[in-house]
Structures are given as C-alpha cells and as structure tokens.
Amino acid sequence: MYKEGERMSFQNQNKRALVAIAHCDDAVLWMGGVIYRLRDWEWHILSMCNGNNDQKIQSFNKSCQMLGV
C-alpha cells in the first residue's frame, strides 16, 4: 500500500483507470498527457455532459481515438 512520502510505482498495479469529467474536452485538456504516457493502461472516460451538441460528441470521440481510449 502507498504511504505518504513514498514514491509510488505503477509497475505492479492493475493498470486500469477511470477519468470522470464534467465536459467532453476535459479529459484531453487535463489528462491527455497522462493518458498518452500510460497508453498501455485500460482507460475509461465518464463524461457527465448532456451530449446535446453533435460537434462536441464527434470531437470527444476523435480525441479518445487519438489517445487510444
């Protein structure tokens, strides 16, 4: 278990992560670099926006494809 002050290692972890976001573009804006760096992980993105804008949905899906999510 991780203890405060210790360096965390991801080598022996499950390599799965969930990103919960409020807006479609938040995952790329705030987590894009981490998602790309850890692209061998299994990523799940939960977007809580209402999805009433087709252009935003298409952009979100394209961003996820580019990141391999």
PDB file of N, CA and C in Angstrom:
ATOM      1  N   MET A   1       0.840  -1.174   0.000  1.00  0.00           N
ATOM      2  CA  MET A   1       0.000   0.000   0.000  1.00  0.00           C
ATOM      3  C   MET A   1       0.886   1.237   0.000  1.00  0.00           C
ATOM      4  N   TYR A   2       0.447   2.246  -0.686  1.00  0.00           N
ATOM      5  CA  TYR A   2       1.167   3.515  -0.776  1.00  0.00           C
ATOM      6  C   TYR A   2       1.080   4.254   0.545  1.00  0.00           C
ATOM      7  N   LYS A   3       2.221   4.731   1.022  1.00  0.00           N
ATOM      8  CA  LYS A   3       2.272   5.529   2.248  1.00  0.00           C
ATOM      9  C   LYS A   3       2.729   6.928   1.900  1.00  0.00           C
ATOM     10  N   GLU A   4       2.196   7.905   2.590  1.00  0.00           N
ATOM     11  CA  GLU A   4       2.541   9.301   2.327  1.00  0.00           C
ATOM     12  C   GLU A   4       4.049   9.499   2.405  1.00  0.00           C
ATOM     13  N   GLY A   5       4.586  10.200   1.427  1.00  0.00           N
ATOM     14  CA  GLY A   5       6.014  10.474   1.388  1.00  0.00           C
ATOM     15  C   GLY A   5       6.812   9.464   0.579  1.00  0.00           C
ATOM     16  N   GLU A   6       6.229   8.301   0.287  1.00  0.00           N
ATOM     17  CA  GLU A   6       6.909   7.296  -0.520  1.00  0.00           C
ATOM     18  C   GLU A   6       6.652   7.559  -1.998  1.00  0.00           C
ATOM     19  N   ARG A   7       7.573   7.155  -2.797  1.00  0.00           N
ATOM     20  CA  ARG A   7       7.398   7.277  -4.251  1.00  0.00           C
ATOM     21  C   ARG A   7       6.501   6.137  -4.735  1.00  0.00           C
ATOM     22  N   MET A   8       5.482   6.496  -5.493  1.00  0.00           N
ATOM     23  CA  MET A   8       4.545   5.490  -5.972  1.00  0.00           C
ATOM     24  C   MET A   8       5.054   4.851  -7.263  1.00  0.00           C
ATOM     25  N   SER A   9       4.987   3.551  -7.335  1.00  0.00           N
ATOM     26  CA  SER A   9       5.373   2.814  -8.534  1.00  0.00           C
ATOM     27  C   SER A   9       4.122   2.222  -9.170  1.00  0.00           C
ATOM     28  N   PHE A  10       4.033   2.339 -10.487  1.00  0.00           N
ATOM     29  CA  PHE A  10       2.892   1.794 -11.203  1.00  0.00           C
ATOM     30  C   PHE A  10       3.198   0.432 -11.814  1.00  0.00           C
ATOM     31  N   GLN A  11       4.363  -0.102 -11.577  1.00  0.00           N
ATOM     32  CA  GLN A  11       4.776  -1.329 -12.242  1.00  0.00           C
ATOM     33  C   GLN A  11       3.934  -2.535 -11.850  1.00  0.00           C
ATOM     34  N   ASN A  12       3.504  -2.620 -10.620  1.00  0.00           N
ATOM     35  CA  ASN A  12       2.779  -3.796 -10.161  1.00  0.00           C
ATOM     36  C   ASN A  12       1.298  -3.519  -9.936  1.00  0.00           C
ATOM     37  N   GLN A  13       0.781  -2.520 -10.582  1.00  0.00           N
ATOM     38  CA  GLN A  13      -0.614  -2.147 -10.414  1.00  0.00           C
ATOM     39  C   GLN A  13      -1.478  -2.816 -11.479  1.00  0.00           C
ATOM     40  N   ASN A  14      -2.790  -2.662 -11.352  1.00  0.00           N
ATOM     41  CA  ASN A  14      -3.738  -3.248 -12.301  1.00  0.00           C
ATOM     42  C   ASN A  14      -3.728  -2.570 -13.662  1.00  0.00           C
ATOM     43  N   LYS A  15      -3.211  -1.376 -13.724  1.00  0.00           N
ATOM     44  CA  LYS A  15      -3.122  -0.603 -14.964  1.00  0.00           C
ATOM     45  C   LYS A  15      -4.496  -0.346 -15.575  1.00  0.00           C
ATOM     46  N   ARG A  16      -5.436   0.041 -14.736  1.00  0.00           N
ATOM     47  CA  ARG A  16      -6.762   0.473 -15.166  1.00  0.00           C
ATOM     48  C   ARG A  16      -7.060   1.799 -14.493  1.00  0.00           C
ATOM     49  N   ALA A  17      -7.720   2.686 -15.224  1.00  0.00           N
ATOM     50  CA  ALA A  17      -8.032   3.989 -14.648  1.00  0.00           C
ATOM     51  C   ALA A  17      -9.351   4.512 -15.200  1.00  0.00           C
ATOM     52  N   LEU A  18     -10.025   5.288 -14.363  1.00  0.00           N
ATOM     53  CA  LEU A  18     -11.264   5.952 -14.736  1.00  0.00           C
ATOM     54  C   LEU A  18     -11.054   7.445 -14.596  1.00  0.00           C
ATOM     55  N   VAL A  19     -11.429   8.187 -15.626  1.00  0.00           N
ATOM     56  CA  VAL A  19     -11.394   9.642 -15.582  1.00  0.00           C
ATOM     57  C   VAL A  19     -12.842  10.107 -15.640  1.00  0.00           C
ATOM     58  N   ALA A  20     -13.315  10.770 -14.589  1.00  0.00           N
ATOM     59  CA  ALA A  20     -14.669  11.331 -14.557  1.00  0.00           C
ATOM     60  C   ALA A  20     -14.552  12.823 -14.837  1.00  0.00           C
ATOM     61  N   ILE A  21     -15.252  13.275 -15.870  1.00  0.00           N
ATOM     62  CA  ILE A  21     -15.135  14.666 -16.305  1.00  0.00           C
ATOM     63  C   ILE A  21     -16.515  15.302 -16.424  1.00  0.00           C
ATOM     64  N   ALA A  22     -16.538  16.628 -16.326  1.00  0.00           N
ATOM     65  CA  ALA A  22     -17.794  17.364 -16.449  1.00  0.00           C
ATOM     66  C   ALA A  22     -18.091  17.733 -17.896  1.00  0.00           C
ATOM     67  N   HIS A  23     -17.061  18.005 -18.668  1.00  0.00           N
ATOM     68  CA  HIS A  23     -17.231  18.452 -20.052  1.00  0.00           C
ATOM     69  C   HIS A  23     -16.458  17.536 -20.987  1.00  0.00           C
ATOM     70  N   CYS A  24     -16.932  17.419 -22.211  1.00  0.00           N
ATOM     71  CA  CYS A  24     -16.343  16.481 -23.180  1.00  0.00           C
ATOM     72  C   CYS A  24     -14.851  16.683 -23.399  1.00  0.00           C
ATOM     73  N   ASP A  25     -14.383  17.924 -23.362  1.00  0.00           N
ATOM     74  CA  ASP A  25     -12.971  18.180 -23.671  1.00  0.00           C
ATOM     75  C   ASP A  25     -12.054  18.139 -22.452  1.00  0.00           C
ATOM     76  N   ASP A  26     -12.607  17.964 -21.258  1.00  0.00           N
ATOM     77  CA  ASP A  26     -11.791  17.985 -20.040  1.00  0.00           C
ATOM     78  C   ASP A  26     -10.768  16.858 -19.979  1.00  0.00           C
ATOM     79  N   ALA A  27     -11.106  15.688 -20.474  1.00  0.00           N
ATOM     80  CA  ALA A  27     -10.170  14.558 -20.406  1.00  0.00           C
ATOM     81  C   ALA A  27      -8.890  14.866 -21.153  1.00  0.00           C
ATOM     82  N   VAL A  28      -9.018  15.454 -22.330  1.00  0.00           N
ATOM     83  CA  VAL A  28      -7.841  15.785 -23.130  1.00  0.00           C
ATOM     84  C   VAL A  28      -7.105  16.974 -22.524  1.00  0.00           C
ATOM     85  N   LEU A  29      -7.850  17.968 -22.082  1.00  0.00           N
ATOM     86  CA  LEU A  29      -7.217  19.167 -21.519  1.00  0.00           C
ATOM     87  C   LEU A  29      -6.435  18.869 -20.247  1.00  0.00           C
ATOM     88  N   TRP A  30      -7.017  18.102 -19.352  1.00  0.00           N
ATOM     89  CA  TRP A  30      -6.409  17.904 -18.036  1.00  0.00           C
ATOM     90  C   TRP A  30      -5.660  16.589 -17.900  1.00  0.00           C
ATOM     91  N   MET A  31      -6.004  15.579 -18.676  1.00  0.00           N
ATOM     92  CA  MET A  31      -5.390  14.258 -18.503  1.00  0.00           C
ATOM     93  C   MET A  31      -4.747  13.707 -19.768  1.00  0.00           C
ATOM     94  N   GLY A  32      -4.791  14.448 -20.870  1.00  0.00           N
ATOM     95  CA  GLY A  32      -4.293  13.944 -22.146  1.00  0.00           C
ATOM     96  C   GLY A  32      -2.860  13.456 -22.093  1.00  0.00           C
ATOM     97  N   GLY A  33      -1.988  14.203 -21.441  1.00  0.00           N
ATOM     98  CA  GLY A  33      -0.583  13.812 -21.341  1.00  0.00           C
ATOM     99  C   GLY A  33      -0.389  12.535 -20.553  1.00  0.00           C
ATOM    100  N   VAL A  34      -1.126  12.397 -19.463  1.00  0.00           N
ATOM    101  CA  VAL A  34      -1.022  11.193 -18.629  1.00  0.00           C
ATOM    102  C   VAL A  34      -1.584   9.988 -19.379  1.00  0.00           C
ATOM    103  N   ILE A  35      -2.739  10.184 -20.019  1.00  0.00           N
ATOM    104  CA  ILE A  35      -3.344   9.090 -20.786  1.00  0.00           C
ATOM    105  C   ILE A  35      -2.392   8.633 -21.887  1.00  0.00           C
ATOM    106  N   TYR A  36      -1.784   9.589 -22.580  1.00  0.00           N
ATOM    107  CA  TYR A  36      -0.856   9.232 -23.658  1.00  0.00           C
ATOM    108  C   TYR A  36       0.379   8.520 -23.107  1.00  0.00           C
ATOM    109  N   ARG A  37       0.910   9.028 -22.015  1.00  0.00           N
ATOM    110  CA  ARG A  37       2.117   8.419 -21.435  1.00  0.00           C
ATOM    111  C   ARG A  37       1.843   6.999 -20.939  1.00  0.00           C
ATOM    112  N   LEU A  38       0.666   6.785 -20.392  1.00  0.00           N
ATOM    113  CA  LEU A  38       0.301   5.469 -19.861  1.00  0.00           C
ATOM    114  C   LEU A  38      -0.681   4.777 -20.807  1.00  0.00           C
ATOM    115  N   ARG A  39      -0.402   4.838 -22.091  1.00  0.00           N
ATOM    116  CA  ARG A  39      -1.339   4.320 -23.087  1.00  0.00           C
ATOM    117  C   ARG A  39      -1.454   2.802 -23.079  1.00  0.00           C
ATOM    118  N   ASP A  40      -0.580   2.109 -22.357  1.00  0.00           N
ATOM    119  CA  ASP A  40      -0.738   0.662 -22.231  1.00  0.00           C
ATOM    120  C   ASP A  40      -1.756   0.299 -21.145  1.00  0.00           C
ATOM    121  N   TRP A  41      -2.284   1.307 -20.452  1.00  0.00           N
ATOM    122  CA  TRP A  41      -3.310   1.086 -19.438  1.00  0.00           C
ATOM    123  C   TRP A  41      -4.672   0.938 -20.102  1.00  0.00           C
ATOM    124  N   GLU A  42      -5.603   0.402 -19.365  1.00  0.00           N
ATOM    125  CA  GLU A  42      -7.007   0.331 -19.791  1.00  0.00           C
ATOM    126  C   GLU A  42      -7.712   1.571 -19.236  1.00  0.00           C
ATOM    127  N   TRP A  43      -8.085   2.480 -20.105  1.00  0.00           N
ATOM    128  CA  TRP A  43      -8.690   3.753 -19.702  1.00  0.00           C
ATOM    129  C   TRP A  43     -10.190   3.743 -19.949  1.00  0.00           C
ATOM    130  N   HIS A  44     -10.920   4.345 -19.012  1.00  0.00           N
ATOM    131  CA  HIS A  44     -12.357   4.556 -19.146  1.00  0.00           C
ATOM    132  C   HIS A  44     -12.609   6.028 -18.863  1.00  0.00           C
ATOM    133  N   ILE A  45     -13.393   6.659 -19.711  1.00  0.00           N
ATOM    134  CA  ILE A  45     -13.702   8.073 -19.528  1.00  0.00           C
ATOM    135  C   ILE A  45     -15.205   8.217 -19.369  1.00  0.00           C
ATOM    136  N   LEU A  46     -15.612   8.819 -18.258  1.00  0.00           N
ATOM    137  CA  LEU A  46     -17.013   9.071 -17.964  1.00  0.00           C
ATOM    138  C   LEU A  46     -17.261  10.563 -18.101  1.00  0.00           C
ATOM    139  N   SER A  47     -18.013  10.946 -19.115  1.00  0.00           N
ATOM    140  CA  SER A  47     -18.338  12.348 -19.348  1.00  0.00           C
ATOM    141  C   SER A  47     -19.747  12.608 -18.851  1.00  0.00           C
ATOM    142  N   MET A  48     -19.906  13.624 -18.018  1.00  0.00           N
ATOM    143  CA  MET A  48     -21.200  13.909 -17.413  1.00  0.00           C
ATOM    144  C   MET A  48     -21.947  15.046 -18.098  1.00  0.00           C
ATOM    145  N   CYS A  49     -21.479  15.453 -19.284  1.00  0.00           N
ATOM    146  CA  CYS A  49     -22.213  16.485 -20.019  1.00  0.00           C
ATOM    147  C   CYS A  49     -23.429  15.844 -20.687  1.00  0.00           C
ATOM    148  N   ASN A  50     -24.394  16.663 -21.032  1.00  0.00           N
ATOM    149  CA  ASN A  50     -25.640  16.110 -21.563  1.00  0.00           C
ATOM    150  C   ASN A  50     -25.535  15.657 -23.013  1.00  0.00           C
ATOM    151  N   GLY A  51     -24.477  15.993 -23.700  1.00  0.00           N
ATOM    152  CA  GLY A  51     -24.236  15.485 -25.041  1.00  0.00           C
ATOM    153  C   GLY A  51     -25.217  15.954 -26.092  1.00  0.00           C
ATOM    154  N   ASN A  52     -25.689  17.188 -25.958  1.00  0.00           N
ATOM    155  CA  ASN A  52     -26.669  17.683 -26.923  1.00  0.00           C
ATOM    156  C   ASN A  52     -26.028  18.414 -28.101  1.00  0.00           C
ATOM    157  N   ASN A  53     -24.718  18.384 -28.198  1.00  0.00           N
ATOM    158  CA  ASN A  53     -24.021  19.062 -29.284  1.00  0.00           C
ATOM    159  C   ASN A  53     -23.242  18.019 -30.086  1.00  0.00           C
ATOM    160  N   ASP A  54     -23.719  17.724 -31.285  1.00  0.00           N
ATOM    161  CA  ASP A  54     -23.102  16.671 -32.107  1.00  0.00           C
ATOM    162  C   ASP A  54     -21.633  16.930 -32.402  1.00  0.00           C
ATOM    163  N   GLN A  55     -21.272  18.190 -32.610  1.00  0.00           N
ATOM    164  CA  GLN A  55     -19.877  18.522 -32.909  1.00  0.00           C
ATOM    165  C   GLN A  55     -18.977  18.196 -31.722  1.00  0.00           C
ATOM    166  N   LYS A  56     -19.431  18.488 -30.495  1.00  0.00           N
ATOM    167  CA  LYS A  56     -18.634  18.174 -29.303  1.00  0.00           C
ATOM    168  C   LYS A  56     -18.492  16.668 -29.121  1.00  0.00           C
ATOM    169  N   ILE A  57     -19.555  15.945 -29.390  1.00  0.00           N
ATOM    170  CA  ILE A  57     -19.507  14.485 -29.258  1.00  0.00           C
ATOM    171  C   ILE A  57     -18.525  13.896 -30.263  1.00  0.00           C
ATOM    172  N   GLN A  58     -18.572  14.359 -31.503  1.00  0.00           N
ATOM    173  CA  GLN A  58     -17.639  13.880 -32.525  1.00  0.00           C
ATOM    174  C   GLN A  58     -16.200  14.219 -32.155  1.00  0.00           C
ATOM    175  N   SER A  59     -15.985  15.422 -31.643  1.00  0.00           N
ATOM    176  CA  SER A  59     -14.646  15.842 -31.222  1.00  0.00           C
ATOM    177  C   SER A  59     -14.152  14.983 -30.062  1.00  0.00           C
ATOM    178  N   PHE A  60     -15.032  14.703 -29.104  1.00  0.00           N
ATOM    179  CA  PHE A  60     -14.695  13.861 -27.960  1.00  0.00           C
ATOM    180  C   PHE A  60     -14.299  12.463 -28.436  1.00  0.00           C
ATOM    181  N   ASN A  61     -15.101  11.880 -29.315  1.00  0.00           N
ATOM    182  CA  ASN A  61     -14.804  10.538 -29.832  1.00  0.00           C
ATOM    183  C   ASN A  61     -13.489  10.508 -30.604  1.00  0.00           C
ATOM    184  N   LYS A  62     -13.228  11.529 -31.401  1.00  0.00           N
ATOM    185  CA  LYS A  62     -11.974  11.594 -32.155  1.00  0.00           C
ATOM    186  C   LYS A  62     -10.781  11.720 -31.208  1.00  0.00           C
ATOM    187  N   SER A  63     -10.913  12.546 -30.177  1.00  0.00           N
ATOM    188  CA  SER A  63      -9.835  12.702 -29.193  1.00  0.00           C
ATOM    189  C   SER A  63      -9.544  11.384 -28.498  1.00  0.00           C
ATOM    190  N   CYS A  64     -10.588  10.661 -28.129  1.00  0.00           N
ATOM    191  CA  CYS A  64     -10.405   9.362 -27.476  1.00  0.00           C
ATOM    192  C   CYS A  64      -9.701   8.382 -28.407  1.00  0.00           C
ATOM    193  N   GLN A  65     -10.076   8.385 -29.682  1.00  0.00           N
ATOM    194  CA  GLN A  65      -9.416   7.505 -30.655  1.00  0.00           C
ATOM    195  C   GLN A  65      -7.939   7.846 -30.784  1.00  0.00           C
ATOM    196  N   MET A  66      -7.630   9.142 -30.834  1.00  0.00           N
ATOM    197  CA  MET A  66      -6.235   9.567 -30.969  1.00  0.00           C
ATOM    198  C   MET A  66      -5.401   9.145 -29.767  1.00  0.00           C
ATOM    199  N   LEU A  67      -6.022   9.137 -28.582  1.00  0.00           N
ATOM    200  CA  LEU A  67      -5.316   8.736 -27.367  1.00  0.00           C
ATOM    201  C   LEU A  67      -5.324   7.219 -27.175  1.00  0.00           C
ATOM    202  N   GLY A  68      -6.097   6.519 -27.983  1.00  0.00           N
ATOM    203  CA  GLY A  68      -6.171   5.067 -27.851  1.00  0.00           C
ATOM    204  C   GLY A  68      -7.100   4.608 -26.760  1.00  0.00           C
ATOM    205  N   VAL A  69      -8.073   5.435 -26.442  1.00  0.00           N
ATOM    206  CA  VAL A  69      -9.033   5.108 -25.374  1.00  0.00           C
ATOM    207  C   VAL A  69     -10.280   4.528 -25.994  1.00  0.00           C
TER     208      VAL A  69
END
